[in-house]
PDB file of N, CA and C in Angstrom:
ATOM      1  N   MET A   1      12.589  65.231 164.577  1.00  0.00           N
ATOM      2  CA  MET A   1      12.855  64.117 165.454  1.00  0.00           C
ATOM      3  C   MET A   1      14.025  64.483 166.377  1.00  0.00           C
ATOM      4  N   ARG A   2      13.975  64.036 167.610  1.00  0.00           N
ATOM      5  CA  ARG A   2      15.058  64.285 168.561  1.00  0.00           C
ATOM      6  C   ARG A   2      16.333  63.567 168.119  1.00  0.00           C
ATOM      7  N   LEU A   3      17.460  64.167 168.407  1.00  0.00           N
ATOM      8  CA  LEU A   3      18.754  63.601 168.034  1.00  0.00           C
ATOM      9  C   LEU A   3      18.963  62.221 168.642  1.00  0.00           C
ATOM     10  N   ASP A   4      18.696  62.060 169.941  1.00  0.00           N
ATOM     11  CA  ASP A   4      18.939  60.761 170.575  1.00  0.00           C
ATOM     12  C   ASP A   4      18.057  59.664 169.983  1.00  0.00           C
ATOM     13  N   LYS A   5      16.828  59.993 169.623  1.00  0.00           N
ATOM     14  CA  LYS A   5      15.940  58.997 169.014  1.00  0.00           C
ATOM     15  C   LYS A   5      16.433  58.629 167.616  1.00  0.00           C
ATOM     16  N   PHE A   6      16.875  59.613 166.818  1.00  0.00           N
ATOM     17  CA  PHE A   6      17.394  59.312 165.485  1.00  0.00           C
ATOM     18  C   PHE A   6      18.595  58.372 165.568  1.00  0.00           C
ATOM     19  N   LEU A   7      19.514  58.647 166.492  1.00  0.00           N
ATOM     20  CA  LEU A   7      20.712  57.813 166.619  1.00  0.00           C
ATOM     21  C   LEU A   7      20.350  56.376 166.971  1.00  0.00           C
ATOM     22  N   LYS A   8      19.333  56.189 167.799  1.00  0.00           N
ATOM     23  CA  LYS A   8      18.902  54.840 168.164  1.00  0.00           C
ATOM     24  C   LYS A   8      18.181  54.151 167.009  1.00  0.00           C
ATOM     25  N   VAL A   9      17.201  54.829 166.408  1.00  0.00           N
ATOM     26  CA  VAL A   9      16.405  54.214 165.340  1.00  0.00           C
ATOM     27  C   VAL A   9      17.280  53.867 164.132  1.00  0.00           C
ATOM     28  N   SER A  10      18.255  54.721 163.823  1.00  0.00           N
ATOM     29  CA  SER A  10      19.135  54.469 162.677  1.00  0.00           C
ATOM     30  C   SER A  10      20.236  53.470 163.022  1.00  0.00           C
ATOM     31  N   ARG A  11      20.321  53.108 164.306  1.00  0.00           N
ATOM     32  CA  ARG A  11      21.305  52.158 164.814  1.00  0.00           C
ATOM     33  C   ARG A  11      22.751  52.647 164.689  1.00  0.00           C
ATOM     34  N   ILE A  12      22.937  53.963 164.641  1.00  0.00           N
ATOM     35  CA  ILE A  12      24.292  54.516 164.719  1.00  0.00           C
ATOM     36  C   ILE A  12      24.810  54.276 166.134  1.00  0.00           C
ATOM     37  N   ILE A  13      23.942  54.483 167.131  1.00  0.00           N
ATOM     38  CA  ILE A  13      24.233  54.147 168.526  1.00  0.00           C
ATOM     39  C   ILE A  13      23.119  53.218 168.980  1.00  0.00           C
ATOM     40  N   LYS A  14      23.479  52.116 169.618  1.00  0.00           N
ATOM     41  CA  LYS A  14      22.507  51.054 169.885  1.00  0.00           C
ATOM     42  C   LYS A  14      21.409  51.392 170.897  1.00  0.00           C
ATOM     43  N   ARG A  15      21.736  52.171 171.938  1.00  0.00           N
ATOM     44  CA  ARG A  15      20.735  52.476 172.954  1.00  0.00           C
ATOM     45  C   ARG A  15      20.514  53.979 173.077  1.00  0.00           C
ATOM     46  N   ARG A  16      19.274  54.359 173.314  1.00  0.00           N
ATOM     47  CA  ARG A  16      18.930  55.783 173.397  1.00  0.00           C
ATOM     48  C   ARG A  16      19.605  56.443 174.596  1.00  0.00           C
ATOM     49  N   THR A  17      19.733  55.718 175.706  1.00  0.00           N
ATOM     50  CA  THR A  17      20.388  56.301 176.877  1.00  0.00           C
ATOM     51  C   THR A  17      21.856  56.592 176.575  1.00  0.00           C
ATOM     52  N   LEU A  18      22.504  55.706 175.836  1.00  0.00           N
ATOM     53  CA  LEU A  18      23.901  55.932 175.456  1.00  0.00           C
ATOM     54  C   LEU A  18      23.996  57.117 174.488  1.00  0.00           C
ATOM     55  N   ALA A  19      23.055  57.216 173.546  1.00  0.00           N
ATOM     56  CA  ALA A  19      23.026  58.340 172.602  1.00  0.00           C
ATOM     57  C   ALA A  19      22.864  59.657 173.364  1.00  0.00           C
ATOM     58  N   LYS A  20      22.028  59.657 174.397  1.00  0.00           N
ATOM     59  CA  LYS A  20      21.824  60.854 175.216  1.00  0.00           C
ATOM     60  C   LYS A  20      23.110  61.233 175.942  1.00  0.00           C
ATOM     61  N   GLU A  21      23.795  60.251 176.514  1.00  0.00           N
ATOM     62  CA  GLU A  21      25.050  60.529 177.225  1.00  0.00           C
ATOM     63  C   GLU A  21      26.101  61.122 176.293  1.00  0.00           C
ATOM     64  N   VAL A  22      26.260  60.522 175.108  1.00  0.00           N
ATOM     65  CA  VAL A  22      27.255  60.989 174.134  1.00  0.00           C
ATOM     66  C   VAL A  22      26.947  62.432 173.723  1.00  0.00           C
ATOM     67  N   ALA A  23      25.682  62.722 173.453  1.00  0.00           N
ATOM     68  CA  ALA A  23      25.293  64.074 173.050  1.00  0.00           C
ATOM     69  C   ALA A  23      25.521  65.077 174.179  1.00  0.00           C
ATOM     70  N   ASP A  24      25.160  64.701 175.385  1.00  0.00           N
ATOM     71  CA  ASP A  24      25.288  65.619 176.519  1.00  0.00           C
ATOM     72  C   ASP A  24      26.746  65.855 176.912  1.00  0.00           C
ATOM     73  N   GLN A  25      27.661  64.986 176.469  1.00  0.00           N
ATOM     74  CA  GLN A  25      29.093  65.185 176.705  1.00  0.00           C
ATOM     75  C   GLN A  25      29.708  66.099 175.648  1.00  0.00           C
ATOM     76  N   GLY A  26      28.906  66.547 174.694  1.00  0.00           N
ATOM     77  CA  GLY A  26      29.396  67.480 173.681  1.00  0.00           C
ATOM     78  C   GLY A  26      30.169  66.808 172.555  1.00  0.00           C
ATOM     79  N   ARG A  27      29.913  65.529 172.318  1.00  0.00           N
ATOM     80  CA  ARG A  27      30.661  64.806 171.282  1.00  0.00           C
ATOM     81  C   ARG A  27      29.896  64.692 169.957  1.00  0.00           C
ATOM     82  N   ILE A  28      28.767  65.394 169.836  1.00  0.00           N
ATOM     83  CA  ILE A  28      27.982  65.371 168.602  1.00  0.00           C
ATOM     84  C   ILE A  28      27.700  66.807 168.164  1.00  0.00           C
ATOM     85  N   ALA A  29      27.860  67.053 166.868  1.00  0.00           N
ATOM     86  CA  ALA A  29      27.542  68.369 166.300  1.00  0.00           C
ATOM     87  C   ALA A  29      26.574  68.182 165.143  1.00  0.00           C
ATOM     88  N   ILE A  30      25.619  69.091 165.026  1.00  0.00           N
ATOM     89  CA  ILE A  30      24.686  69.104 163.889  1.00  0.00           C
ATOM     90  C   ILE A  30      25.049  70.312 163.049  1.00  0.00           C
ATOM     91  N   ASN A  31      25.449  70.085 161.804  1.00  0.00           N
ATOM     92  CA  ASN A  31      25.852  71.154 160.882  1.00  0.00           C
ATOM     93  C   ASN A  31      26.881  72.097 161.533  1.00  0.00           C
ATOM     94  N   GLY A  32      27.826  71.506 162.270  1.00  0.00           N
ATOM     95  CA  GLY A  32      28.896  72.295 162.872  1.00  0.00           C
ATOM     96  C   GLY A  32      28.574  72.920 164.221  1.00  0.00           C
ATOM     97  N   GLN A  33      27.337  72.810 164.671  1.00  0.00           N
ATOM     98  CA  GLN A  33      26.933  73.383 165.969  1.00  0.00           C
ATOM     99  C   GLN A  33      26.810  72.259 166.995  1.00  0.00           C
ATOM    100  N   GLN A  34      27.404  72.449 168.167  1.00  0.00           N
ATOM    101  CA  GLN A  34      27.321  71.438 169.213  1.00  0.00           C
ATOM    102  C   GLN A  34      25.855  71.168 169.545  1.00  0.00           C
ATOM    103  N   ALA A  35      25.518  69.881 169.733  1.00  0.00           N
ATOM    104  CA  ALA A  35      24.119  69.497 169.906  1.00  0.00           C
ATOM    105  C   ALA A  35      23.883  68.796 171.237  1.00  0.00           C
ATOM    106  N   LYS A  36      22.667  68.923 171.740  1.00  0.00           N
ATOM    107  CA  LYS A  36      22.216  68.191 172.918  1.00  0.00           C
ATOM    108  C   LYS A  36      21.314  67.058 172.445  1.00  0.00           C
ATOM    109  N   ALA A  37      21.014  66.134 173.346  1.00  0.00           N
ATOM    110  CA  ALA A  37      20.164  64.988 173.010  1.00  0.00           C
ATOM    111  C   ALA A  37      18.782  65.422 172.526  1.00  0.00           C
ATOM    112  N   SER A  38      18.297  66.554 173.030  1.00  0.00           N
ATOM    113  CA  SER A  38      16.955  67.016 172.675  1.00  0.00           C
ATOM    114  C   SER A  38      16.925  67.858 171.394  1.00  0.00           C
ATOM    115  N   SER A  39      18.085  68.076 170.780  1.00  0.00           N
ATOM    116  CA  SER A  39      18.133  68.869 169.539  1.00  0.00           C
ATOM    117  C   SER A  39      17.310  68.184 168.448  1.00  0.00           C
ATOM    118  N   THR A  40      16.693  68.989 167.602  1.00  0.00           N
ATOM    119  CA  THR A  40      15.876  68.461 166.518  1.00  0.00           C
ATOM    120  C   THR A  40      16.735  68.270 165.271  1.00  0.00           C
ATOM    121  N   VAL A  41      16.589  67.105 164.635  1.00  0.00           N
ATOM    122  CA  VAL A  41      17.304  66.846 163.380  1.00  0.00           C
ATOM    123  C   VAL A  41      16.284  66.753 162.252  1.00  0.00           C
ATOM    124  N   LYS A  42      16.738  67.075 161.024  1.00  0.00           N
ATOM    125  CA  LYS A  42      15.864  66.969 159.854  1.00  0.00           C
ATOM    126  C   LYS A  42      16.660  66.420 158.686  1.00  0.00           C
ATOM    127  N   VAL A  43      15.977  66.028 157.643  1.00  0.00           N
ATOM    128  CA  VAL A  43      16.628  65.473 156.457  1.00  0.00           C
ATOM    129  C   VAL A  43      17.591  66.515 155.887  1.00  0.00           C
ATOM    130  N   GLY A  44      18.803  66.083 155.562  1.00  0.00           N
ATOM    131  CA  GLY A  44      19.808  66.972 155.005  1.00  0.00           C
ATOM    132  C   GLY A  44      20.827  67.446 156.028  1.00  0.00           C
ATOM    133  N   ASP A  45      20.522  67.301 157.313  1.00  0.00           N
ATOM    134  CA  ASP A  45      21.487  67.696 158.346  1.00  0.00           C
ATOM    135  C   ASP A  45      22.703  66.784 158.320  1.00  0.00           C
ATOM    136  N   GLU A  46      23.869  67.338 158.684  1.00  0.00           N
ATOM    137  CA  GLU A  46      25.081  66.538 158.816  1.00  0.00           C
ATOM    138  C   GLU A  46      25.438  66.431 160.289  1.00  0.00           C
ATOM    139  N   LEU A  47      25.627  65.199 160.747  1.00  0.00           N
ATOM    140  CA  LEU A  47      26.000  64.945 162.126  1.00  0.00           C
ATOM    141  C   LEU A  47      27.469  64.561 162.172  1.00  0.00           C
ATOM    142  N   THR A  48      28.222  65.158 163.070  1.00  0.00           N
ATOM    143  CA  THR A  48      29.611  64.779 163.308  1.00  0.00           C
ATOM    144  C   THR A  48      29.654  64.167 164.695  1.00  0.00           C
ATOM    145  N   ILE A  49      30.047  62.894 164.762  1.00  0.00           N
ATOM    146  CA  ILE A  49      30.000  62.138 166.007  1.00  0.00           C
ATOM    147  C   ILE A  49      31.403  61.655 166.355  1.00  0.00           C
ATOM    148  N   ARG A  50      31.841  61.902 167.590  1.00  0.00           N
ATOM    149  CA  ARG A  50      33.163  61.468 168.032  1.00  0.00           C
ATOM    150  C   ARG A  50      33.002  60.267 168.966  1.00  0.00           C
ATOM    151  N   PHE A  51      33.467  59.088 168.499  1.00  0.00           N
ATOM    152  CA  PHE A  51      33.469  57.856 169.295  1.00  0.00           C
ATOM    153  C   PHE A  51      34.922  57.539 169.608  1.00  0.00           C
ATOM    154  N   GLY A  52      35.357  57.771 170.797  1.00  0.00           N
ATOM    155  CA  GLY A  52      36.733  57.445 171.158  1.00  0.00           C
ATOM    156  C   GLY A  52      37.730  58.132 170.243  1.00  0.00           C
ATOM    157  N   THR A  53      38.471  57.345 169.430  1.00  0.00           N
ATOM    158  CA  THR A  53      39.475  57.923 168.530  1.00  0.00           C
ATOM    159  C   THR A  53      38.947  58.090 167.112  1.00  0.00           C
ATOM    160  N   ARG A  54      37.662  57.842 166.884  1.00  0.00           N
ATOM    161  CA  ARG A  54      37.083  57.977 165.542  1.00  0.00           C
ATOM    162  C   ARG A  54      36.142  59.168 165.478  1.00  0.00           C
ATOM    163  N   VAL A  55      36.162  59.833 164.330  1.00  0.00           N
ATOM    164  CA  VAL A  55      35.187  60.904 164.077  1.00  0.00           C
ATOM    165  C   VAL A  55      34.442  60.512 162.809  1.00  0.00           C
ATOM    166  N   THR A  56      33.128  60.394 162.911  1.00  0.00           N
ATOM    167  CA  THR A  56      32.302  59.992 161.780  1.00  0.00           C
ATOM    168  C   THR A  56      31.339  61.124 161.449  1.00  0.00           C
ATOM    169  N   THR A  57      31.243  61.440 160.155  1.00  0.00           N
ATOM    170  CA  THR A  57      30.288  62.441 159.692  1.00  0.00           C
ATOM    171  C   THR A  57      29.261  61.732 158.821  1.00  0.00           C
ATOM    172  N   VAL A  58      27.975  61.895 159.150  1.00  0.00           N
ATOM    173  CA  VAL A  58      26.897  61.282 158.375  1.00  0.00           C
ATOM    174  C   VAL A  58      25.882  62.345 157.976  1.00  0.00           C
ATOM    175  N   ARG A  59      25.221  62.120 156.829  1.00  0.00           N
ATOM    176  CA  ARG A  59      24.148  63.003 156.362  1.00  0.00           C
ATOM    177  C   ARG A  59      22.834  62.255 156.519  1.00  0.00           C
ATOM    178  N   ILE A  60      21.837  62.906 157.098  1.00  0.00           N
ATOM    179  CA  ILE A  60      20.524  62.292 157.302  1.00  0.00           C
ATOM    180  C   ILE A  60      19.779  62.268 155.970  1.00  0.00           C
ATOM    181  N   GLU A  61      19.366  61.086 155.556  1.00  0.00           N
ATOM    182  CA  GLU A  61      18.643  60.908 154.286  1.00  0.00           C
ATOM    183  C   GLU A  61      17.133  60.788 154.492  1.00  0.00           C
ATOM    184  N   GLN A  62      16.721  60.189 155.606  1.00  0.00           N
ATOM    185  CA  GLN A  62      15.287  60.053 155.885  1.00  0.00           C
ATOM    186  C   GLN A  62      15.066  59.876 157.381  1.00  0.00           C
ATOM    187  N   LEU A  63      13.866  60.229 157.828  1.00  0.00           N
ATOM    188  CA  LEU A  63      13.490  60.088 159.230  1.00  0.00           C
ATOM    189  C   LEU A  63      12.329  59.103 159.313  1.00  0.00           C
ATOM    190  N   GLN A  64      12.441  58.161 160.231  1.00  0.00           N
ATOM    191  CA  GLN A  64      11.366  57.195 160.464  1.00  0.00           C
ATOM    192  C   GLN A  64      11.247  56.990 161.964  1.00  0.00           C
ATOM    193  N   GLU A  65      10.030  56.809 162.439  1.00  0.00           N
ATOM    194  CA  GLU A  65       9.818  56.605 163.877  1.00  0.00           C
ATOM    195  C   GLU A  65      10.402  55.280 164.349  1.00  0.00           C
ATOM    196  N   ASN A  66      10.296  54.257 163.532  1.00  0.00           N
ATOM    197  CA  ASN A  66      10.942  52.992 163.824  1.00  0.00           C
ATOM    198  C   ASN A  66      11.239  52.298 162.498  1.00  0.00           C
ATOM    199  N   THR A  67      12.216  51.398 162.527  1.00  0.00           N
ATOM    200  CA  THR A  67      12.652  50.779 161.289  1.00  0.00           C
ATOM    201  C   THR A  67      13.209  49.397 161.570  1.00  0.00           C
ATOM    202  N   ARG A  68      13.234  48.564 160.550  1.00  0.00           N
ATOM    203  CA  ARG A  68      13.830  47.243 160.682  1.00  0.00           C
ATOM    204  C   ARG A  68      15.340  47.359 160.552  1.00  0.00           C
ATOM    205  N   LYS A  69      16.033  46.387 161.090  1.00  0.00           N
ATOM    206  CA  LYS A  69      17.494  46.399 161.089  1.00  0.00           C
ATOM    207  C   LYS A  69      18.052  46.553 159.674  1.00  0.00           C
ATOM    208  N   GLU A  70      17.462  45.870 158.704  1.00  0.00           N
ATOM    209  CA  GLU A  70      17.951  45.901 157.317  1.00  0.00           C
ATOM    210  C   GLU A  70      17.783  47.286 156.678  1.00  0.00           C
ATOM    211  N   ASP A  71      16.778  48.041 157.113  1.00  0.00           N
ATOM    212  CA  ASP A  71      16.479  49.344 156.518  1.00  0.00           C
ATOM    213  C   ASP A  71      17.149  50.517 157.244  1.00  0.00           C
ATOM    214  N   ALA A  72      17.721  50.260 158.415  1.00  0.00           N
ATOM    215  CA  ALA A  72      18.271  51.341 159.241  1.00  0.00           C
ATOM    216  C   ALA A  72      19.401  52.082 158.538  1.00  0.00           C
ATOM    217  N   ALA A  73      20.271  51.371 157.824  1.00  0.00           N
ATOM    218  CA  ALA A  73      21.416  52.017 157.164  1.00  0.00           C
ATOM    219  C   ALA A  73      20.965  52.983 156.073  1.00  0.00           C
ATOM    220  N   GLY A  74      19.764  52.840 155.552  1.00  0.00           N
ATOM    221  CA  GLY A  74      19.246  53.735 154.521  1.00  0.00           C
ATOM    222  C   GLY A  74      18.824  55.098 155.067  1.00  0.00           C
ATOM    223  N   MET A  75      18.800  55.249 156.383  1.00  0.00           N
ATOM    224  CA  MET A  75      18.389  56.510 156.984  1.00  0.00           C
ATOM    225  C   MET A  75      19.496  57.560 156.929  1.00  0.00           C
ATOM    226  N   TYR A  76      20.736  57.125 156.669  1.00  0.00           N
ATOM    227  CA  TYR A  76      21.863  58.060 156.635  1.00  0.00           C
ATOM    228  C   TYR A  76      22.912  57.599 155.633  1.00  0.00           C
ATOM    229  N   THR A  77      23.765  58.528 155.217  1.00  0.00           N
ATOM    230  CA  THR A  77      24.900  58.244 154.342  1.00  0.00           C
ATOM    231  C   THR A  77      26.156  58.695 155.072  1.00  0.00           C
ATOM    232  N   THR A  78      27.162  57.822 155.101  1.00  0.00           N
ATOM    233  CA  THR A  78      28.424  58.191 155.731  1.00  0.00           C
ATOM    234  C   THR A  78      29.191  59.095 154.779  1.00  0.00           C
ATOM    235  N   VAL A  79      29.490  60.302 155.219  1.00  0.00           N
ATOM    236  CA  VAL A  79      30.204  61.282 154.410  1.00  0.00           C
ATOM    237  C   VAL A  79      31.706  61.117 154.590  1.00  0.00           C
ATOM    238  N   LYS A  80      32.127  60.968 155.853  1.00  0.00           N
ATOM    239  CA  LYS A  80      33.556  60.904 156.144  1.00  0.00           C
ATOM    240  C   LYS A  80      33.763  60.135 157.439  1.00  0.00           C
ATOM    241  N   GLU A  81      34.849  59.366 157.481  1.00  0.00           N
ATOM    242  CA  GLU A  81      35.212  58.651 158.699  1.00  0.00           C
ATOM    243  C   GLU A  81      36.719  58.771 158.858  1.00  0.00           C
ATOM    244  N   GLU A  82      37.157  59.238 160.025  1.00  0.00           N
ATOM    245  CA  GLU A  82      38.597  59.399 160.228  1.00  0.00           C
ATOM    246  C   GLU A  82      38.983  59.037 161.642  1.00  0.00           C
ATOM    247  N   ARG A  83      40.245  58.692 161.797  1.00  0.00           N
ATOM    248  CA  ARG A  83      40.788  58.367 163.109  1.00  0.00           C
ATOM    249  C   ARG A  83      41.594  59.552 163.641  1.00  0.00           C
ATOM    250  N   LEU A  84      41.428  59.809 164.917  1.00  0.00           N
ATOM    251  CA  LEU A  84      42.205  60.854 165.563  1.00  0.00           C
ATOM    252  C   LEU A  84      43.531  60.248 166.028  1.00  0.00           C
ATOM    253  N   LYS A  85      44.568  61.038 166.031  1.00  0.00           N
ATOM    254  CA  LYS A  85      45.860  60.557 166.526  1.00  0.00           C
ATOM    255  C   LYS A  85      45.802  60.433 168.034  1.00  0.00           C
ATOM    256  N   ASP A  86      46.486  59.435 168.565  1.00  0.00           N
ATOM    257  CA  ASP A  86      46.540  59.256 170.017  1.00  0.00           C
ATOM    258  C   ASP A  86      47.268  60.428 170.648  1.00  0.00           C
ATOM    259  N   GLU A  87      46.685  60.971 171.681  1.00  0.00           N
ATOM    260  CA  GLU A  87      47.306  62.090 172.387  1.00  0.00           C
ATOM    261  C   GLU A  87      48.113  61.536 173.547  1.00  0.00           C
ATOM    262  N   GLU A  88      49.419  61.811 173.553  1.00  0.00           N
ATOM    263  CA  GLU A  88      50.268  61.305 174.627  1.00  0.00           C
ATOM    264  C   GLU A  88      51.021  62.415 175.284  1.00  0.00           C
TER     265      GLU A  88
END
């Protein structure tokens, strides 16, 4: 499954266009390698996503083409969440 579609379906990022922008800005890595929106993800991959001052690492548990809101959180497990220090 494409990275941008996974981020939307799992509701980590609400819109696919926003997921594409974030990936194309180099703020997402798959297993430590910088990823593009078109990168393929599979079960077991770890995604590191930088949102502003937060860095979140999640592990993909399952892939689904579409899912209900209640089931979306089951598609991934949060491994680590940390805040970056403000750069001044």
